[in-house]
Amino acid sequence: MKGILEMDLNPQIYIYLVLCANVYSVKEFVTLKCEETVTGIFNEDTILPCNLTTAKPSKPTKIELRKDEGNYRLVFQFNGNHNAMNAPNRIKLLSPDVRNVSLVLQKTQLSDSGKYLYYLETDVGYKQVNIVLVVKAPYSLPKLALVNLTEMTKVVTCETTGYPSAQIHWTVNGKNLTLSSETKKEETAQGLISITSALPIITSKTDQEHIYTCAVWNEAERKYEARNSISISNVNPSINQQTEEKKRKALTAVGVIVGGLAAGIFLLGLLRFWKRRHPVRQSNEKSGNQMLKTFVTQV
């Protein structure tokens, strides 16, 4: 019966089925494992980890990496010659090991983000996998500064740069004052996001140290990525002027008292010296002493 079915089978269909079976079996001879999602750091090298396993000893004869831009643009090709690792291209093979077929993307840029098709071929079969590359730029340590907008208006500014978008959160002595701030975002020439935020300073009736903290909130990863603090002692201007005025009045009063005492002592000494040089009657002496005592008492 089996022989009859084989004889009755259309030769073209038979050849097609055989080819399909062979293709399927060839693919099964090759195992390619790559990281499905890879995160790269801006301006640093990024590794696309991939490992090759074959049913029998074999080595890659062809590797292609294509970026999905609607037409799967070819961005890297390896033809079995390991000298290609030194080719003038930002994408290279990580090592000549036939098992480690990882690729390294040098000086990763934001434009490298996207979906890639990794295709590998050996003399015993082929395999292809999809890889998604996500590029980020960690936000820089926030720069804090005290800025005088006007004579009576001062703000604390916070500046940082990174990618992707982030939020600025403000706290003063642990109290959240983000809603009181004003934040602006701009795109740099490299595609990064520059964030500047300003928070009015707090005035107080007495001298008090305030700790202003600017924290960068990563929206995608939902975590704080960077933060910095600055310490500022604030004094209410009107209270400060009143205090200085009181100090000046107190110093003036002390000066008058000290000056009066010094003058009295000087006159008393002068009178005693005159008495020794020019004796006078007892009544005049008593009268003079009484007048001097009265003057000193008044002072």
Protein backbone atom coordinates (compact mmCIF):
# COMPACT_ATOMS: atom_id res chain seq x y z
CA MET A 1 0.00 0.00 0.00
CA LYS A 2 2.82 2.36 0.94
CA GLY A 3 4.53 1.69 -2.38
CA ILE A 4 1.33 2.39 -4.28
CA LEU A 5 0.91 5.76 -2.46
CA GLU A 6 4.46 6.74 -3.25
CA MET A 7 3.95 5.87 -6.91
CA ASP A 8 0.70 7.80 -7.11
CA LEU A 9 2.20 10.91 -5.41
CA ASN A 10 2.93 13.83 -7.75
CA PRO A 11 6.74 14.07 -8.14
CA GLN A 12 6.73 17.85 -7.69
CA ILE A 13 4.78 17.61 -4.44
CA TYR A 14 7.08 14.88 -3.24
CA ILE A 15 10.19 16.97 -3.91
CA TYR A 16 8.63 19.97 -2.13
CA LEU A 17 7.85 17.89 0.97
CA VAL A 18 11.35 16.49 1.04
CA LEU A 19 12.91 19.96 0.78
CA CYS A 20 10.69 21.29 3.56
CA ALA A 21 11.64 18.38 5.78
CA ASN A 22 15.31 18.99 5.08
CA VAL A 23 15.05 22.71 5.79
CA TYR A 24 13.28 22.04 9.08
CA SER A 25 15.86 19.46 10.09
CA VAL A 26 18.71 21.81 9.12
CA LYS A 27 17.30 24.56 11.37
CA GLU A 28 17.07 22.07 14.21
CA PHE A 29 20.82 21.43 13.93
CA VAL A 30 21.49 25.02 15.01
CA THR A 31 20.56 26.67 18.32
CA LEU A 32 21.03 30.43 18.69
CA LYS A 33 20.28 32.09 22.02
CA CYS A 34 20.38 35.88 22.35
CA GLU A 35 19.13 38.38 24.92
CA GLU A 36 15.71 39.48 23.73
CA THR A 37 16.01 42.98 25.26
CA VAL A 38 19.31 44.77 25.81
CA THR A 39 19.85 48.13 27.54
CA GLY A 40 22.74 50.24 26.23
CA ILE A 41 24.37 53.28 27.82
CA PHE A 42 24.82 56.42 25.73
CA ASN A 43 28.38 56.87 24.40
CA GLU A 44 29.49 53.53 25.88
CA ASP A 45 29.97 50.13 24.23
CA THR A 46 26.94 47.82 24.27
CA ILE A 47 27.14 44.03 23.96
CA LEU A 48 24.38 42.05 22.24
CA PRO A 49 24.92 38.67 23.96
CA CYS A 50 24.43 35.63 21.67
CA ASN A 51 25.59 32.01 21.94
CA LEU A 52 25.67 29.35 19.22
CA THR A 53 25.16 25.61 19.63
CA THR A 54 25.29 23.11 16.72
CA ALA A 55 24.52 19.39 16.47
CA LYS A 56 28.04 18.75 15.22
CA PRO A 57 31.22 20.83 15.17
CA SER A 58 30.64 23.85 12.98
CA LYS A 59 31.41 27.53 12.78
CA PRO A 60 29.51 30.58 11.53
CA THR A 61 29.83 31.19 7.83
CA LYS A 62 27.59 34.22 7.74
CA ILE A 63 26.18 36.68 10.29
CA GLU A 64 23.91 39.61 9.53
CA LEU A 65 22.36 42.23 11.76
CA ARG A 66 19.49 44.22 10.30
CA LYS A 67 17.59 47.09 11.89
CA ASP A 68 13.83 47.19 11.53
CA GLU A 69 13.18 50.52 9.88
CA GLY A 70 10.45 49.27 7.60
CA ASN A 71 12.92 47.55 5.28
CA TYR A 72 15.32 45.82 7.71
CA ARG A 73 18.40 47.86 6.85
CA LEU A 74 21.68 45.92 6.94
CA VAL A 75 23.95 47.38 9.64
CA PHE A 76 26.48 44.55 10.07
CA GLN A 77 27.69 41.58 8.04
CA PHE A 78 30.21 38.82 8.76
CA ASN A 79 31.25 36.43 5.98
CA GLY A 80 33.25 33.90 7.98
CA ASN A 81 36.49 35.88 7.97
CA HIS A 82 37.42 36.83 11.54
CA ASN A 83 39.46 39.72 10.23
CA ALA A 84 36.10 41.41 9.80
CA MET A 85 36.17 42.08 13.54
CA ASN A 86 38.64 44.87 12.78
CA ALA A 87 36.52 46.37 10.04
CA PRO A 88 35.88 50.16 10.21
CA ASN A 89 32.39 49.77 11.66
CA ARG A 90 30.90 50.54 15.08
CA ILE A 91 29.43 47.01 15.21
CA LYS A 92 31.90 44.13 15.55
CA LEU A 93 32.11 40.51 16.70
CA LEU A 94 33.00 40.37 20.37
CA SER A 95 35.43 37.44 20.01
CA PRO A 96 36.66 34.84 17.50
CA ASP A 97 35.11 32.04 19.60
CA VAL A 98 32.74 30.03 17.37
CA ARG A 99 30.38 29.57 20.32
CA ASN A 100 30.31 33.18 21.44
CA VAL A 101 28.73 35.05 18.54
CA SER A 102 27.93 38.19 20.54
CA LEU A 103 28.15 41.55 18.82
CA VAL A 104 29.50 44.76 20.36
CA LEU A 105 28.11 48.16 19.40
CA GLN A 106 30.75 50.82 20.06
CA LYS A 107 29.91 54.31 21.36
CA THR A 108 26.20 53.62 21.45
CA GLN A 109 24.00 56.51 20.31
CA LEU A 110 20.34 57.26 21.00
CA SER A 111 19.60 56.62 17.34
CA ASP A 112 20.72 52.99 17.78
CA SER A 113 17.57 52.23 19.78
CA GLY A 114 15.14 49.90 18.05
CA LYS A 115 14.37 46.35 16.93
CA TYR A 116 17.01 44.22 15.20
CA LEU A 117 16.99 40.92 13.30
CA TYR A 118 20.04 38.75 14.02
CA TYR A 119 20.66 36.11 11.31
CA LEU A 120 23.31 33.38 11.62
CA GLU A 121 24.28 30.71 9.13
CA THR A 122 26.61 27.69 9.44
CA ASP A 123 27.47 24.74 7.22
CA VAL A 124 24.90 22.65 9.12
CA GLY A 125 22.01 25.13 9.21
CA TYR A 126 20.86 28.65 10.05
CA LYS A 127 18.87 30.56 12.69
CA GLN A 128 17.51 34.06 13.23
CA VAL A 129 16.26 35.88 16.34
CA ASN A 130 14.89 39.34 17.22
CA ILE A 131 16.69 41.69 19.60
CA VAL A 132 15.32 44.96 21.03
CA LEU A 133 17.92 47.57 21.99
CA VAL A 134 17.00 50.32 24.46
CA VAL A 135 19.49 53.17 24.88
CA LYS A 136 19.53 55.43 27.93
CA ALA A 137 21.77 58.19 29.28
CA PRO A 138 21.93 58.27 33.10
CA TYR A 139 21.18 61.76 34.42
CA SER A 140 24.16 63.77 35.60
CA LEU A 141 24.62 64.83 39.22
CA PRO A 142 22.30 67.84 39.63
CA LYS A 143 24.05 71.23 39.84
CA LEU A 144 22.53 73.46 42.54
CA ALA A 145 22.99 77.22 42.85
CA LEU A 146 21.46 80.20 44.69
CA VAL A 147 20.30 82.86 42.19
CA ASN A 148 19.23 86.44 43.00
CA LEU A 149 16.45 87.33 40.57
CA THR A 150 15.76 90.69 42.24
CA GLU A 151 16.75 92.37 45.52
CA MET A 152 13.87 90.62 47.29
CA THR A 153 13.48 87.46 45.14
CA LYS A 154 15.87 84.53 45.33
CA VAL A 155 15.59 80.98 43.98
CA VAL A 156 17.55 77.75 44.14
CA THR A 157 18.18 76.27 40.68
CA CYS A 158 18.81 72.64 39.72
CA GLU A 159 20.30 71.54 36.36
CA THR A 160 20.80 68.01 35.00
CA THR A 161 21.01 66.20 31.65
CA GLY A 162 20.12 62.66 30.57
CA TYR A 163 17.68 60.44 28.66
CA PRO A 164 14.81 59.49 28.51
CA SER A 165 12.46 62.03 30.11
CA ALA A 166 12.59 62.49 33.89
CA GLN A 167 10.99 64.61 36.61
CA ILE A 168 12.55 66.92 39.19
CA HIS A 169 11.38 66.51 42.80
CA TRP A 170 12.20 69.15 45.44
CA THR A 171 12.38 68.71 49.21
CA VAL A 172 13.34 71.30 51.84
CA ASN A 173 14.33 69.82 55.19
CA GLY A 174 12.47 66.68 54.12
CA LYS A 175 9.25 68.48 53.11
CA ASN A 176 8.09 67.98 49.51
CA LEU A 177 7.81 71.36 47.74
CA THR A 178 7.83 70.15 44.13
CA LEU A 179 4.54 71.92 43.34
CA SER A 180 6.15 75.28 44.21
CA SER A 181 8.89 74.86 41.60
CA GLU A 182 9.06 75.73 37.91
CA THR A 183 10.71 73.22 35.56
CA LYS A 184 11.77 73.51 31.90
CA LYS A 185 13.05 70.83 29.49
CA GLU A 186 15.12 71.28 26.31
CA GLU A 187 16.62 68.84 23.81
CA THR A 188 20.37 69.01 23.25
CA ALA A 189 22.15 68.61 19.91
CA GLN A 190 22.84 64.95 20.82
CA GLY A 191 19.18 64.28 21.53
CA LEU A 192 19.56 64.29 25.32
CA ILE A 193 17.13 66.10 27.62
CA SER A 194 18.40 69.09 29.60
CA ILE A 195 16.23 69.88 32.64
CA THR A 196 16.32 73.14 34.63
CA SER A 197 14.17 73.64 37.71
CA ALA A 198 13.85 76.65 40.05
CA LEU A 199 12.42 76.76 43.59
CA PRO A 200 11.84 80.01 45.57
CA ILE A 201 13.83 80.09 48.82
CA ILE A 202 12.07 80.06 52.17
CA THR A 203 12.36 83.17 54.40
CA SER A 204 12.09 82.82 58.17
CA LYS A 205 11.70 85.15 61.15
CA THR A 206 14.89 83.81 62.72
CA ASP A 207 18.15 82.45 61.42
CA GLN A 208 17.57 78.86 60.27
CA GLU A 209 19.47 76.44 58.04
CA HIS A 210 17.48 74.94 55.17
CA ILE A 211 18.60 71.87 53.21
CA TYR A 212 17.37 72.06 49.60
CA THR A 213 17.43 68.67 47.82
CA CYS A 214 16.90 68.18 44.08
CA ALA A 215 16.16 64.58 43.04
CA VAL A 216 15.82 63.20 39.49
CA TRP A 217 12.90 60.77 39.17
CA ASN A 218 13.27 58.22 36.32
CA GLU A 219 9.76 57.95 34.88
CA ALA A 220 10.38 54.73 32.90
CA GLU A 221 12.09 52.79 35.72
CA ARG A 222 10.13 54.55 38.49
CA LYS A 223 13.10 55.24 40.72
CA TYR A 224 15.35 58.13 41.78
CA GLU A 225 18.40 58.19 39.54
CA ALA A 226 20.42 61.10 40.96
CA ARG A 227 20.16 63.73 43.70
CA ASN A 228 22.10 66.58 45.26
CA SER A 229 21.62 69.03 48.16
CA ILE A 230 22.63 72.56 49.13
CA SER A 231 22.48 74.23 52.57
CA ILE A 232 21.23 77.83 52.83
CA SER A 233 20.75 79.99 55.96
CA ASN A 234 17.78 82.32 55.48
CA VAL A 235 17.02 85.55 57.37
CA ASN A 236 13.92 87.69 56.92
CA PRO A 237 15.23 91.06 55.60
CA SER A 238 12.90 93.25 57.74
CA ILE A 239 13.78 91.37 60.94
CA ASN A 240 17.45 91.69 60.08
CA GLN A 241 17.20 95.49 59.67
CA GLN A 242 15.41 95.87 63.02
CA THR A 243 18.08 93.85 64.76
CA GLU A 244 20.87 95.98 63.30
CA GLU A 245 19.09 99.20 64.35
CA LYS A 246 18.78 97.96 67.97
CA LYS A 247 22.48 97.13 68.01
CA ARG A 248 23.41 100.63 66.85
CA LYS A 249 21.23 102.32 69.51
CA ALA A 250 22.67 100.15 72.28
CA LEU A 251 26.25 100.93 71.22
CA THR A 252 25.46 104.69 71.16
CA ALA A 253 24.02 104.61 74.71
CA VAL A 254 27.03 102.73 76.05
CA GLY A 255 29.35 105.27 74.40
CA VAL A 256 27.56 108.22 76.05
CA ILE A 257 27.74 106.65 79.51
CA VAL A 258 31.39 105.71 79.23
CA GLY A 259 32.24 109.19 77.91
CA GLY A 260 30.45 110.90 80.79
CA LEU A 261 32.21 108.79 83.42
CA ALA A 262 35.57 109.46 81.85
CA ALA A 263 34.91 113.22 81.85
CA GLY A 264 33.87 113.17 85.54
CA ILE A 265 36.95 111.26 86.60
CA PHE A 266 39.13 113.69 84.69
CA LEU A 267 37.54 116.73 86.37
CA LEU A 268 37.81 115.17 89.81
CA GLY A 269 41.49 114.55 89.35
CA LEU A 270 41.99 118.07 88.03
CA LEU A 271 40.22 119.57 91.06
CA ARG A 272 42.36 117.63 93.54
CA PHE A 273 45.49 118.74 91.77
CA TRP A 274 44.34 122.39 91.90
CA LYS A 275 43.54 122.10 95.64
CA ARG A 276 47.04 120.92 96.41
CA ARG A 277 48.55 123.82 94.52
CA HIS A 278 46.06 126.51 95.70
CA PRO A 279 44.63 125.98 99.24
CA VAL A 280 41.18 127.56 99.76
CA ARG A 281 38.81 128.01 102.60
CA GLN A 282 36.96 125.02 104.00
CA SER A 283 33.59 126.28 102.88
CA ASN A 284 34.69 126.72 99.32
CA GLU A 285 36.21 123.28 99.36
CA LYS A 286 33.00 121.68 100.59
CA SER A 287 31.01 123.62 98.06
CA GLY A 288 33.30 122.49 95.24
CA ASN A 289 33.18 118.89 96.33
CA GLN A 290 29.42 119.00 96.53
CA MET A 291 29.16 120.39 93.01
CA LEU A 292 31.52 117.72 91.63
CA LYS A 293 29.56 114.91 93.35
CA THR A 294 26.34 116.29 91.95
CA PHE A 295 27.83 116.37 88.40
CA VAL A 296 29.14 112.81 88.62
CA THR A 297 25.81 111.55 90.01
CA GLN A 298 23.90 113.16 87.17
CA VAL A 299 26.17 111.58 84.61
